[in-house]
N, C-alpha and C. Protein backbone atom coordinates (compact mmCIF):
# COMPACT_ATOMS: atom_id res chain seq x y z
N MET A 1 0.82 -1.07 0.03
CA MET A 1 0.08 -0.12 -0.40
C MET A 1 0.97 1.82 0.42
N LEU A 2 0.90 2.05 -1.08
CA LEU A 2 1.30 3.41 -0.86
C LEU A 2 0.91 4.43 -0.12
N VAL A 3 1.64 5.24 0.99
CA VAL A 3 0.88 5.88 1.97
C VAL A 3 1.89 7.39 1.43
N VAL A 4 0.79 8.52 1.65
CA VAL A 4 1.39 9.76 1.18
C VAL A 4 1.20 10.23 2.75
N ASN A 5 2.59 11.15 2.83
CA ASN A 5 3.14 11.95 4.07
C ASN A 5 1.50 13.28 4.16
N SER A 6 0.43 13.14 5.06
CA SER A 6 -0.62 13.54 5.14
C SER A 6 -0.02 15.32 5.10
N LYS A 7 1.28 15.89 6.44
CA LYS A 7 2.09 16.77 6.69
C LYS A 7 2.54 17.56 5.30
N ILE A 8 2.45 16.82 4.49
CA ILE A 8 3.62 17.50 3.39
C ILE A 8 2.15 17.87 2.16
N GLU A 9 2.54 19.26 1.38
CA GLU A 9 1.49 19.81 0.69
C GLU A 9 1.74 19.18 -0.82
N ILE A 10 1.12 18.59 -1.55
CA ILE A 10 1.13 18.12 -2.91
C ILE A 10 0.66 19.34 -3.54
N ILE A 11 1.28 18.95 -4.94
CA ILE A 11 0.63 19.21 -5.94
C ILE A 11 -0.87 18.59 -6.35
N PRO A 12 -1.90 19.30 -6.80
CA PRO A 12 -2.91 18.68 -6.94
C PRO A 12 -2.92 18.01 -8.23
N SER A 13 -3.59 17.33 -8.31
CA SER A 13 -2.87 15.71 -9.70
C SER A 13 -4.00 16.30 -10.49
N GLU A 14 -5.13 16.70 -10.33
CA GLU A 14 -5.05 17.85 -11.48
C GLU A 14 -4.71 18.79 -12.25
N LEU A 15 -3.92 19.83 -11.66
CA LEU A 15 -3.03 20.79 -12.18
C LEU A 15 -1.88 20.65 -12.45
N LEU A 16 -1.01 18.88 -12.27
CA LEU A 16 -0.21 18.33 -12.66
C LEU A 16 -0.94 17.78 -13.80
N LEU A 17 -1.70 16.74 -14.34
CA LEU A 17 -2.29 16.64 -15.57
C LEU A 17 -2.49 17.86 -16.48
N THR A 18 -3.21 18.90 -16.22
CA THR A 18 -3.55 20.27 -16.95
C THR A 18 -1.90 20.56 -17.40
N ALA A 19 -0.95 20.61 -16.82
CA ALA A 19 0.32 21.34 -16.70
C ALA A 19 1.18 20.11 -18.09
N TYR A 20 0.95 19.09 -17.78
CA TYR A 20 1.70 18.29 -18.61
C TYR A 20 1.16 18.36 -20.17
N SER A 21 0.13 18.20 -20.20
CA SER A 21 -1.29 18.88 -21.28
C SER A 21 -0.78 19.92 -22.37
N ALA A 22 -0.29 20.70 -21.50
CA ALA A 22 0.40 22.08 -21.78
C ALA A 22 1.54 22.42 -21.93
N GLY A 23 2.82 21.38 -21.54
CA GLY A 23 3.63 21.64 -21.97
C GLY A 23 4.43 21.71 -21.36
N TYR A 24 3.90 21.88 -19.41
CA TYR A 24 5.07 22.11 -18.58
C TYR A 24 4.80 21.22 -17.47
N PHE A 25 6.26 21.05 -16.72
CA PHE A 25 6.41 20.07 -15.53
C PHE A 25 6.99 20.87 -14.22
N PRO A 26 7.12 20.16 -13.65
CA PRO A 26 7.41 20.94 -12.39
C PRO A 26 8.90 20.05 -11.89
N MET A 27 9.64 20.96 -11.10
CA MET A 27 10.85 20.71 -10.60
C MET A 27 11.23 21.54 -9.27
N ALA A 28 11.61 20.17 -8.43
CA ALA A 28 12.17 21.54 -6.71
C ALA A 28 13.11 21.64 -7.05
N GLU A 29 13.62 22.87 -6.18
CA GLU A 29 14.61 23.70 -6.08
C GLU A 29 15.64 22.74 -5.27
N SER A 30 16.86 22.25 -5.53
CA SER A 30 17.62 21.03 -4.75
C SER A 30 17.49 22.13 -3.44
N ALA A 31 18.34 23.28 -3.33
CA ALA A 31 18.35 23.99 -2.07
C ALA A 31 17.04 24.17 -1.43
N ASN A 32 15.95 24.69 -1.54
CA ASN A 32 14.88 25.06 -0.42
C ASN A 32 13.04 24.19 -0.98
N GLY A 33 13.77 23.27 -2.26
CA GLY A 33 12.67 22.56 -2.37
C GLY A 33 11.03 23.40 -2.85
N LYS A 34 11.62 24.69 -3.12
CA LYS A 34 10.58 25.12 -3.69
C LYS A 34 10.40 25.15 -5.44
N ILE A 35 9.00 24.70 -5.45
CA ILE A 35 8.53 24.14 -6.64
C ILE A 35 8.68 25.53 -8.17
N LYS A 36 9.14 24.82 -9.42
CA LYS A 36 8.95 25.84 -10.47
C LYS A 36 8.90 25.18 -11.49
N TRP A 37 8.12 25.92 -12.68
CA TRP A 37 7.53 25.17 -13.50
C TRP A 37 8.26 25.22 -14.72
N TYR A 38 8.24 24.20 -15.94
CA TYR A 38 9.14 24.57 -16.90
C TYR A 38 8.30 23.93 -17.80
N SER A 39 8.79 24.57 -19.33
CA SER A 39 8.79 24.75 -20.63
C SER A 39 9.60 24.69 -21.19
N PRO A 40 11.01 23.41 -21.14
CA PRO A 40 11.83 24.42 -22.06
C PRO A 40 11.64 24.43 -23.79
N ASP A 41 12.74 25.39 -24.29
CA ASP A 41 12.85 25.92 -25.88
C ASP A 41 14.60 25.47 -26.24
N PRO A 42 15.11 24.68 -26.94
CA PRO A 42 14.52 23.39 -27.13
C PRO A 42 13.93 22.63 -26.02
N ARG A 43 12.91 21.44 -26.43
CA ARG A 43 12.34 20.24 -25.75
C ARG A 43 13.21 19.22 -26.61
N ALA A 44 13.43 18.07 -25.56
CA ALA A 44 14.52 16.50 -25.53
C ALA A 44 13.19 15.97 -26.05
N ILE A 45 13.08 15.21 -26.63
CA ILE A 45 12.06 13.60 -27.14
C ILE A 45 12.90 12.34 -28.09
N ILE A 46 12.66 11.54 -27.80
CA ILE A 46 13.31 10.18 -28.25
C ILE A 46 11.86 9.71 -29.11
N PRO A 47 12.17 10.13 -30.67
CA PRO A 47 11.48 9.50 -31.81
C PRO A 47 11.52 7.92 -31.55
N LEU A 48 9.95 7.11 -31.03
CA LEU A 48 10.09 6.15 -30.84
C LEU A 48 10.27 5.37 -32.26
N ASP A 49 10.29 5.74 -32.95
CA ASP A 49 10.68 5.14 -34.33
C ASP A 49 12.07 4.97 -35.17
N LYS A 50 12.30 6.14 -34.35
CA LYS A 50 14.03 6.27 -34.28
C LYS A 50 15.35 5.82 -33.06
N PHE A 51 14.68 5.13 -31.74
CA PHE A 51 14.98 4.59 -31.24
C PHE A 51 16.34 3.74 -31.55
N LYS A 52 17.53 4.53 -30.73
CA LYS A 52 18.49 3.16 -30.68
C LYS A 52 18.86 2.70 -29.72
N ILE A 53 19.68 1.40 -29.60
CA ILE A 53 19.97 0.28 -28.77
C ILE A 53 20.84 0.11 -29.00
N PRO A 54 22.67 0.46 -28.13
CA PRO A 54 23.81 0.71 -28.45
C PRO A 54 24.23 -1.19 -27.98
N ARG A 55 25.17 -1.62 -28.61
CA ARG A 55 25.33 -3.20 -29.24
C ARG A 55 25.48 -3.83 -27.84
N SER A 56 25.69 -2.77 -27.14
CA SER A 56 26.72 -3.79 -25.90
C SER A 56 25.33 -3.99 -24.99
N LEU A 57 24.46 -2.76 -24.98
CA LEU A 57 23.07 -3.24 -24.13
C LEU A 57 22.24 -3.91 -24.75
N HIS A 58 22.21 -4.12 -26.67
CA HIS A 58 21.26 -5.18 -26.83
C HIS A 58 21.43 -6.49 -26.28
N GLN A 59 22.95 -7.12 -26.33
CA GLN A 59 23.61 -8.36 -25.69
C GLN A 59 23.01 -8.34 -24.44
N THR A 60 22.88 -7.37 -23.63
CA THR A 60 22.32 -7.70 -22.27
C THR A 60 20.91 -7.75 -22.50
N VAL A 61 20.46 -6.71 -23.04
CA VAL A 61 18.47 -7.31 -23.31
C VAL A 61 18.64 -9.22 -23.68
N LYS A 62 19.38 -9.09 -24.91
CA LYS A 62 19.28 -10.59 -25.22
C LYS A 62 19.54 -11.93 -23.86
N LYS A 63 20.24 -11.35 -23.26
CA LYS A 63 20.54 -12.79 -21.88
C LYS A 63 19.68 -12.60 -21.14
N ASN A 64 18.45 -11.74 -21.45
CA ASN A 64 17.50 -11.93 -19.97
C ASN A 64 17.86 -11.60 -18.61
N THR A 65 18.85 -11.01 -18.32
CA THR A 65 19.58 -10.57 -17.01
C THR A 65 18.74 -10.00 -15.97
N PHE A 66 17.51 -9.24 -16.50
CA PHE A 66 16.62 -8.78 -15.85
C PHE A 66 15.39 -8.79 -15.96
N GLU A 67 14.59 -9.35 -14.71
CA GLU A 67 12.86 -9.51 -15.55
C GLU A 67 11.92 -8.33 -15.51
N ILE A 68 11.58 -7.18 -16.05
CA ILE A 68 11.01 -6.19 -16.24
C ILE A 68 9.96 -6.56 -15.74
N ARG A 69 8.74 -5.69 -14.64
CA ARG A 69 7.80 -5.63 -14.04
C ARG A 69 7.52 -3.34 -14.38
N ILE A 70 6.37 -3.72 -14.15
CA ILE A 70 5.71 -2.34 -14.74
C ILE A 70 4.83 -2.14 -13.24
N ASN A 71 5.36 -0.93 -12.31
CA ASN A 71 3.97 -0.27 -11.26
C ASN A 71 4.52 -1.12 -9.89
N SER A 72 5.30 -2.28 -9.87
CA SER A 72 5.12 -2.95 -8.58
C SER A 72 5.86 -2.38 -7.28
N ASP A 73 6.79 -1.50 -7.80
CA ASP A 73 6.91 -0.57 -6.58
C ASP A 73 7.95 0.68 -7.18
N PHE A 74 6.51 1.34 -7.40
CA PHE A 74 6.78 2.82 -7.48
C PHE A 74 7.56 3.55 -6.72
N LEU A 75 7.04 3.36 -5.80
CA LEU A 75 7.29 4.21 -4.13
C LEU A 75 8.66 4.16 -4.24
N THR A 76 9.60 3.33 -4.24
CA THR A 76 10.92 2.30 -4.27
C THR A 76 11.57 2.93 -5.46
N VAL A 77 11.33 3.03 -6.38
CA VAL A 77 11.75 3.54 -7.68
C VAL A 77 11.46 5.30 -7.76
N ILE A 78 10.75 5.81 -7.48
CA ILE A 78 11.06 7.45 -7.08
C ILE A 78 11.69 7.91 -5.80
N ARG A 79 12.21 6.92 -5.00
CA ARG A 79 12.78 7.47 -3.68
C ARG A 79 14.47 7.19 -4.44
N ASN A 80 14.86 6.04 -4.71
CA ASN A 80 15.68 5.92 -5.76
C ASN A 80 16.32 6.96 -6.69
N CYS A 81 15.26 7.19 -7.50
CA CYS A 81 15.24 8.39 -8.54
C CYS A 81 15.95 9.64 -7.72
N ALA A 82 14.74 9.50 -5.92
CA ALA A 82 15.36 11.02 -5.54
C ALA A 82 16.71 10.58 -4.86
N ASP A 83 17.46 9.79 -4.53
CA ASP A 83 18.41 9.57 -3.44
C ASP A 83 19.87 10.17 -4.16
N ARG A 84 20.12 11.00 -4.28
CA ARG A 84 21.33 11.85 -5.12
C ARG A 84 21.49 13.17 -4.18
N LYS A 85 23.23 13.67 -4.04
CA LYS A 85 23.03 15.02 -3.46
C LYS A 85 22.22 16.33 -3.96
N ASP A 86 22.15 16.22 -4.93
CA ASP A 86 21.52 17.46 -5.68
C ASP A 86 20.49 16.76 -6.45
N THR A 87 19.19 16.81 -6.17
CA THR A 87 17.94 16.42 -6.61
C THR A 87 16.72 17.90 -6.58
N TRP A 88 16.17 17.37 -7.78
CA TRP A 88 15.06 17.90 -7.99
C TRP A 88 13.98 17.21 -7.58
N ILE A 89 14.19 16.30 -6.93
CA ILE A 89 12.54 15.42 -6.70
C ILE A 89 12.84 15.20 -4.96
N SER A 90 11.81 16.63 -4.82
CA SER A 90 11.49 16.66 -3.40
C SER A 90 10.29 15.87 -2.26
N GLU A 91 10.19 16.14 -1.43
CA GLU A 91 9.04 15.13 -0.95
C GLU A 91 7.85 15.69 -1.12
N GLU A 92 7.51 16.67 -1.74
CA GLU A 92 6.39 16.94 -2.44
C GLU A 92 5.95 16.83 -3.89
N ILE A 93 7.19 16.86 -4.12
CA ILE A 93 7.31 16.32 -5.64
C ILE A 93 6.99 14.21 -5.56
N ILE A 94 7.51 13.71 -4.99
CA ILE A 94 7.62 12.43 -4.68
C ILE A 94 5.95 12.01 -3.96
N CYS A 95 5.24 12.93 -3.09
CA CYS A 95 4.05 12.57 -2.79
C CYS A 95 2.99 12.72 -3.85
N SER A 96 3.35 13.75 -4.57
CA SER A 96 2.20 14.44 -6.08
C SER A 96 2.59 13.33 -6.70
N TYR A 97 3.36 13.03 -7.20
CA TYR A 97 3.08 11.86 -8.43
C TYR A 97 2.89 10.00 -7.25
N LEU A 98 3.20 10.31 -6.22
CA LEU A 98 2.18 8.92 -5.12
C LEU A 98 1.11 9.01 -5.83
N GLU A 99 0.47 10.10 -5.92
CA GLU A 99 -0.92 10.66 -5.95
C GLU A 99 -1.58 10.57 -7.40
N LEU A 100 -0.54 10.77 -7.95
CA LEU A 100 -0.85 10.63 -9.71
C LEU A 100 -0.96 9.30 -9.64
N HIS A 101 0.11 8.26 -8.84
CA HIS A 101 0.24 6.76 -10.00
C HIS A 101 -1.31 6.25 -8.96
N LYS A 102 -1.43 6.97 -8.27
CA LYS A 102 -2.84 5.80 -7.27
C LYS A 102 -4.34 6.37 -8.33
N ILE A 103 -3.45 6.86 -9.11
CA ILE A 103 -5.41 7.35 -10.17
C ILE A 103 -5.07 7.10 -11.47
N GLY A 104 -3.54 6.16 -11.17
CA GLY A 104 -3.31 5.59 -12.67
C GLY A 104 -2.78 6.26 -13.70
N PHE A 105 -2.04 7.26 -13.62
CA PHE A 105 -1.32 8.31 -14.32
C PHE A 105 0.02 8.20 -14.74
N ALA A 106 0.78 7.87 -13.42
CA ALA A 106 2.28 7.97 -13.27
C ALA A 106 2.54 6.31 -12.86
N HIS A 107 3.32 5.84 -13.63
CA HIS A 107 3.90 4.71 -13.69
C HIS A 107 5.42 4.35 -13.76
N SER A 108 6.20 3.01 -13.43
CA SER A 108 6.90 2.78 -13.24
C SER A 108 7.96 1.96 -14.03
N VAL A 109 8.72 1.59 -14.73
CA VAL A 109 8.87 0.21 -15.05
C VAL A 109 10.45 0.04 -14.95
N GLU A 110 10.59 -1.31 -14.24
CA GLU A 110 11.35 -2.01 -13.18
C GLU A 110 12.13 -2.68 -14.03
N SER A 111 13.98 -2.91 -13.37
CA SER A 111 14.32 -4.12 -14.17
C SER A 111 14.76 -4.61 -12.54
N TRP A 112 14.20 -5.57 -12.35
CA TRP A 112 14.66 -6.34 -11.52
C TRP A 112 15.76 -8.19 -11.51
N CYS A 113 16.42 -8.30 -10.41
CA CYS A 113 17.54 -9.28 -10.84
C CYS A 113 17.43 -10.07 -9.09
N ASP A 114 17.40 -11.41 -9.53
CA ASP A 114 17.22 -11.89 -8.14
C ASP A 114 15.67 -11.93 -7.02
N ASN A 115 15.10 -11.21 -8.13
CA ASN A 115 13.95 -10.74 -7.14
C ASN A 115 14.26 -9.08 -6.10
N LYS A 116 14.97 -8.53 -6.86
CA LYS A 116 15.77 -7.23 -6.05
C LYS A 116 15.88 -6.67 -7.15
N LEU A 117 14.98 -5.33 -7.03
CA LEU A 117 14.95 -4.08 -7.77
C LEU A 117 16.36 -3.44 -7.83
N MET A 118 16.76 -3.48 -9.17
CA MET A 118 18.13 -2.81 -10.03
C MET A 118 18.41 -1.87 -10.16
N GLY A 119 16.83 -0.89 -10.71
CA GLY A 119 16.83 0.19 -11.42
C GLY A 119 15.63 0.42 -12.08
N GLY A 120 15.20 1.31 -12.18
CA GLY A 120 13.91 1.58 -13.22
C GLY A 120 14.06 3.09 -13.85
N LEU A 121 12.62 4.07 -14.14
CA LEU A 121 12.09 4.79 -14.78
C LEU A 121 10.77 5.47 -13.95
N TYR A 122 10.50 6.17 -14.02
CA TYR A 122 9.29 6.69 -13.63
C TYR A 122 8.55 7.72 -14.85
N GLY A 123 7.30 8.05 -14.80
CA GLY A 123 6.73 9.06 -15.44
C GLY A 123 5.42 9.20 -15.67
N VAL A 124 4.85 10.12 -16.86
CA VAL A 124 3.82 10.17 -16.50
C VAL A 124 3.01 9.95 -18.26
N ALA A 125 2.12 9.17 -17.94
CA ALA A 125 1.38 8.58 -19.35
C ALA A 125 -0.06 9.49 -19.59
N LEU A 126 -0.24 10.25 -20.98
CA LEU A 126 -1.33 11.00 -20.58
C LEU A 126 -1.62 10.71 -22.18
N GLY A 127 -2.75 10.79 -22.31
CA GLY A 127 -3.05 10.66 -24.02
C GLY A 127 -2.10 9.58 -24.48
N GLY A 128 -1.46 9.83 -25.49
CA GLY A 128 -0.77 9.72 -26.40
C GLY A 128 1.11 9.62 -26.40
N ALA A 129 1.29 10.34 -24.93
CA ALA A 129 2.60 10.87 -24.63
C ALA A 129 2.78 9.84 -23.56
N PHE A 130 3.94 10.03 -23.66
CA PHE A 130 4.85 9.55 -21.74
C PHE A 130 5.69 10.46 -21.66
N PHE A 131 5.62 10.94 -20.88
CA PHE A 131 6.59 12.05 -19.80
C PHE A 131 7.67 11.33 -18.94
N GLY A 132 8.62 11.06 -19.66
CA GLY A 132 9.61 10.45 -19.00
C GLY A 132 10.57 11.52 -17.75
N GLU A 133 10.39 10.77 -16.41
CA GLU A 133 10.59 12.24 -15.31
C GLU A 133 11.99 11.43 -14.66
N SER A 134 12.51 10.50 -14.27
CA SER A 134 13.74 10.15 -14.09
C SER A 134 14.14 8.51 -14.25
N MET A 135 15.32 8.60 -13.65
CA MET A 135 16.01 7.03 -14.09
C MET A 135 16.75 6.88 -13.02
N PHE A 136 17.45 5.17 -12.22
CA PHE A 136 17.97 5.30 -11.10
C PHE A 136 18.77 3.80 -11.84
N SER A 137 19.89 3.48 -11.01
CA SER A 137 20.26 2.22 -11.54
C SER A 137 21.44 1.74 -10.41
N LEU A 138 21.02 0.59 -9.82
CA LEU A 138 22.27 0.02 -8.95
C LEU A 138 23.02 -0.94 -9.25
N LYS A 139 22.87 -1.06 -10.90
CA LYS A 139 23.58 -2.67 -11.29
C LYS A 139 23.04 -1.96 -12.53
N LYS A 140 24.55 -2.22 -13.49
CA LYS A 140 25.02 -1.86 -15.05
C LYS A 140 23.89 -2.14 -15.80
N ASP A 141 23.23 -1.36 -16.05
CA ASP A 141 22.82 -1.61 -17.46
C ASP A 141 21.08 -1.44 -17.11
N ALA A 142 20.70 -1.22 -15.72
CA ALA A 142 19.74 -1.86 -15.31
C ALA A 142 18.47 -1.00 -15.98
N SER A 143 18.49 0.29 -15.51
CA SER A 143 17.57 1.42 -16.18
C SER A 143 17.77 1.60 -17.25
N LYS A 144 18.87 1.32 -18.26
CA LYS A 144 18.81 1.48 -19.75
C LYS A 144 18.07 0.29 -20.05
N VAL A 145 17.70 -0.91 -19.68
CA VAL A 145 17.09 -2.37 -19.63
C VAL A 145 15.06 -1.78 -19.77
N SER A 146 15.42 -0.93 -18.48
CA SER A 146 13.90 -0.46 -18.48
C SER A 146 13.29 0.55 -19.59
N LEU A 147 14.53 1.28 -19.93
CA LEU A 147 14.33 2.52 -21.29
C LEU A 147 13.77 1.76 -22.17
N VAL A 148 14.49 0.82 -22.73
CA VAL A 148 14.42 -0.40 -23.86
C VAL A 148 12.79 -0.98 -23.57
N ALA A 149 12.49 -1.38 -22.51
CA ALA A 149 11.26 -2.09 -22.08
C ALA A 149 10.15 -0.74 -22.13
N LEU A 150 10.26 0.21 -21.64
CA LEU A 150 9.26 1.65 -22.10
C LEU A 150 8.96 1.76 -23.30
N VAL A 151 10.23 1.61 -24.67
CA VAL A 151 9.97 2.47 -25.92
C VAL A 151 9.26 1.22 -26.02
N LYS A 152 9.26 0.01 -26.27
CA LYS A 152 8.58 -1.24 -26.66
C LYS A 152 7.34 -1.00 -26.01
N ARG A 153 7.00 -1.27 -24.95
CA ARG A 153 5.75 -1.38 -24.13
C ARG A 153 4.75 0.46 -25.21
N LEU A 154 5.52 1.07 -25.10
CA LEU A 154 5.08 2.68 -25.65
C LEU A 154 4.72 2.34 -27.28
N LYS A 155 5.46 1.35 -28.22
CA LYS A 155 5.16 1.45 -29.44
C LYS A 155 3.78 0.19 -29.60
N ASP A 156 3.80 -0.93 -28.66
CA ASP A 156 2.72 -1.78 -28.46
C ASP A 156 1.55 -0.58 -28.68
N LYS A 157 1.82 -0.41 -27.54
CA LYS A 157 0.32 0.70 -26.90
C LYS A 157 -0.11 2.06 -27.87
N GLY A 158 0.46 1.98 -28.58
CA GLY A 158 0.04 3.09 -29.64
C GLY A 158 0.53 4.40 -29.21
N PHE A 159 1.33 4.63 -28.93
CA PHE A 159 2.08 6.02 -28.15
C PHE A 159 2.60 6.58 -29.17
N ILE A 160 2.66 7.81 -29.29
CA ILE A 160 3.29 8.51 -30.45
C ILE A 160 4.63 9.30 -29.57
N LEU A 161 4.68 9.69 -28.35
CA LEU A 161 5.35 10.98 -27.93
C LEU A 161 6.17 10.32 -27.04
N LEU A 162 7.50 10.48 -26.43
CA LEU A 162 8.61 10.18 -25.53
C LEU A 162 8.93 11.28 -24.91
N ASP A 163 8.70 12.69 -24.11
CA ASP A 163 9.25 13.44 -23.73
C ASP A 163 10.45 13.18 -22.91
N THR A 164 11.37 13.41 -22.99
CA THR A 164 12.75 13.46 -21.74
C THR A 164 13.03 14.34 -21.56
N GLN A 165 12.40 16.10 -21.83
CA GLN A 165 12.52 17.18 -21.34
C GLN A 165 13.66 17.62 -21.39
N PHE A 166 15.39 17.21 -21.21
CA PHE A 166 16.18 17.83 -21.51
C PHE A 166 16.97 16.49 -22.51
N LEU A 167 18.31 17.13 -23.13
CA LEU A 167 18.91 16.33 -23.80
C LEU A 167 20.15 16.53 -22.98
N THR A 168 20.66 15.15 -22.66
CA THR A 168 21.45 14.78 -21.79
C THR A 168 22.55 13.91 -22.71
N PRO A 169 23.82 13.89 -22.63
CA PRO A 169 24.84 12.57 -22.98
C PRO A 169 24.79 11.68 -23.38
N HIS A 170 23.74 11.13 -22.03
CA HIS A 170 23.43 9.43 -21.97
C HIS A 170 22.38 9.37 -22.37
N LEU A 171 21.15 10.20 -22.75
CA LEU A 171 20.11 9.99 -23.62
C LEU A 171 20.44 9.95 -24.85
N LYS A 172 21.59 10.82 -25.18
CA LYS A 172 21.75 11.15 -26.76
C LYS A 172 22.02 9.84 -27.48
N LYS A 173 22.42 9.22 -26.48
CA LYS A 173 23.21 7.68 -27.09
C LYS A 173 21.92 7.02 -27.58
N PHE A 174 20.68 7.24 -27.04
CA PHE A 174 19.86 6.52 -27.81
C PHE A 174 18.78 7.12 -28.92
N GLY A 175 19.28 8.04 -28.97
CA GLY A 175 18.67 9.05 -30.39
C GLY A 175 17.70 10.14 -29.79
N THR A 176 18.40 10.50 -28.79
CA THR A 176 17.58 11.51 -28.45
C THR A 176 17.69 12.89 -28.94
N ILE A 177 16.56 13.82 -29.26
CA ILE A 177 17.18 14.67 -30.19
C ILE A 177 16.22 16.39 -30.03
N GLU A 178 16.52 17.46 -29.82
CA GLU A 178 16.01 18.32 -29.51
C GLU A 178 14.86 19.02 -30.57
N ILE A 179 14.05 19.66 -30.04
CA ILE A 179 13.34 20.00 -31.04
C ILE A 179 12.52 21.29 -30.59
N SER A 180 11.93 22.43 -31.42
CA SER A 180 11.52 23.57 -30.95
C SER A 180 10.68 23.74 -30.11
N ARG A 181 10.14 24.04 -28.80
CA ARG A 181 9.16 24.46 -28.19
C ARG A 181 7.71 24.36 -29.31
N LYS A 182 7.71 24.93 -30.18
CA LYS A 182 6.36 24.83 -31.21
C LYS A 182 6.21 23.78 -31.67
N HIS A 183 7.21 23.13 -32.04
CA HIS A 183 7.20 21.57 -32.95
C HIS A 183 6.64 20.61 -31.83
N TYR A 184 6.95 20.52 -30.64
CA TYR A 184 6.62 19.75 -29.37
C TYR A 184 5.15 20.48 -29.10
N LEU A 185 5.15 21.57 -28.93
CA LEU A 185 3.59 21.19 -28.54
C LEU A 185 2.77 20.99 -29.93
N ASN A 186 2.87 21.04 -30.88
CA ASN A 186 2.20 20.18 -32.02
C ASN A 186 2.18 18.96 -31.89
N LEU A 187 3.46 18.00 -31.74
CA LEU A 187 3.98 16.66 -31.29
C LEU A 187 2.87 16.74 -30.16
N LEU A 188 2.56 17.40 -29.15
CA LEU A 188 1.48 16.74 -27.90
C LEU A 188 0.32 17.31 -28.26
N LYS A 189 -0.18 18.53 -28.90
CA LYS A 189 -1.65 18.20 -29.12
C LYS A 189 -2.36 16.71 -29.71
N SER A 190 -1.15 16.56 -31.13
CA SER A 190 -1.86 15.16 -31.17
C SER A 190 -1.48 14.20 -30.52
N ALA A 191 -0.65 14.41 -29.75
CA ALA A 191 -0.50 12.86 -28.76
C ALA A 191 -1.81 13.07 -27.96
N MET A 192 -2.40 14.73 -27.06
CA MET A 192 -3.58 14.18 -26.41
C MET A 192 -4.74 14.16 -27.03
N MET A 193 -4.79 13.59 -27.97
CA MET A 193 -5.89 13.36 -29.16
C MET A 193 -6.53 11.92 -29.02
N LEU A 194 -5.22 11.20 -28.89
CA LEU A 194 -4.87 9.70 -28.43
C LEU A 194 -5.91 9.42 -27.20
N THR A 195 -6.91 9.26 -27.07
CA THR A 195 -7.27 8.77 -25.71
C THR A 195 -7.53 7.44 -25.49
N GLU A 196 -7.36 6.48 -26.70
CA GLU A 196 -7.34 5.54 -26.63
C GLU A 196 -5.62 4.40 -25.85
N SER A 197 -5.04 5.67 -26.12
CA SER A 197 -3.89 4.83 -25.57
C SER A 197 -3.87 4.82 -24.37
N LYS A 198 -3.45 3.88 -23.69
CA LYS A 198 -3.06 3.28 -22.49
C LYS A 198 -2.33 2.58 -21.95
N PHE A 199 -1.16 3.15 -20.89
CA PHE A 199 -0.34 2.29 -20.56
C PHE A 199 -0.04 0.91 -20.42
N ILE A 200 -1.31 1.11 -18.93
CA ILE A 200 -1.79 -0.33 -18.84
C ILE A 200 -2.79 -1.13 -18.94
């Protein structure tokens, strides 16, 4: 059972979903936890039809080193994502996304090995878009395998947009690109019309 700290003020789920559908997402300042809203220009996405799997990772996937699970331990995933010196994932963010998870919009893709959670990612699914938030890894390639599983699931379920917010050297290896905010919002508009796309 997921428990939200009732003493923590959370971002209303309706506000979060409205923001995502308009191209915005929240991040907390590491120093003081203050929530700020972002809509970057340029915006980073992974084109689902151009997703790249590095050769070494492809070998790991083929070996079935990890068992992929969906939403089996969302709380541990988001807490591991927050477990770093400088983090934008505050307690307010954690509690807010737990609420979003409870109503079926926030999801985790997890890599397990020997019945232990070794890595994963979480994000928000809305319409035909998946908004990737963060990932973590306790074992080599664990988070990467989760990303591979996420892309496969999105393709299978008819999603058309995988938003990664910002471009990093790590994400660039998988074919992540930057596009203008205007282009992003056009893609987002099309994705929001795909109400039949369901992550679960």
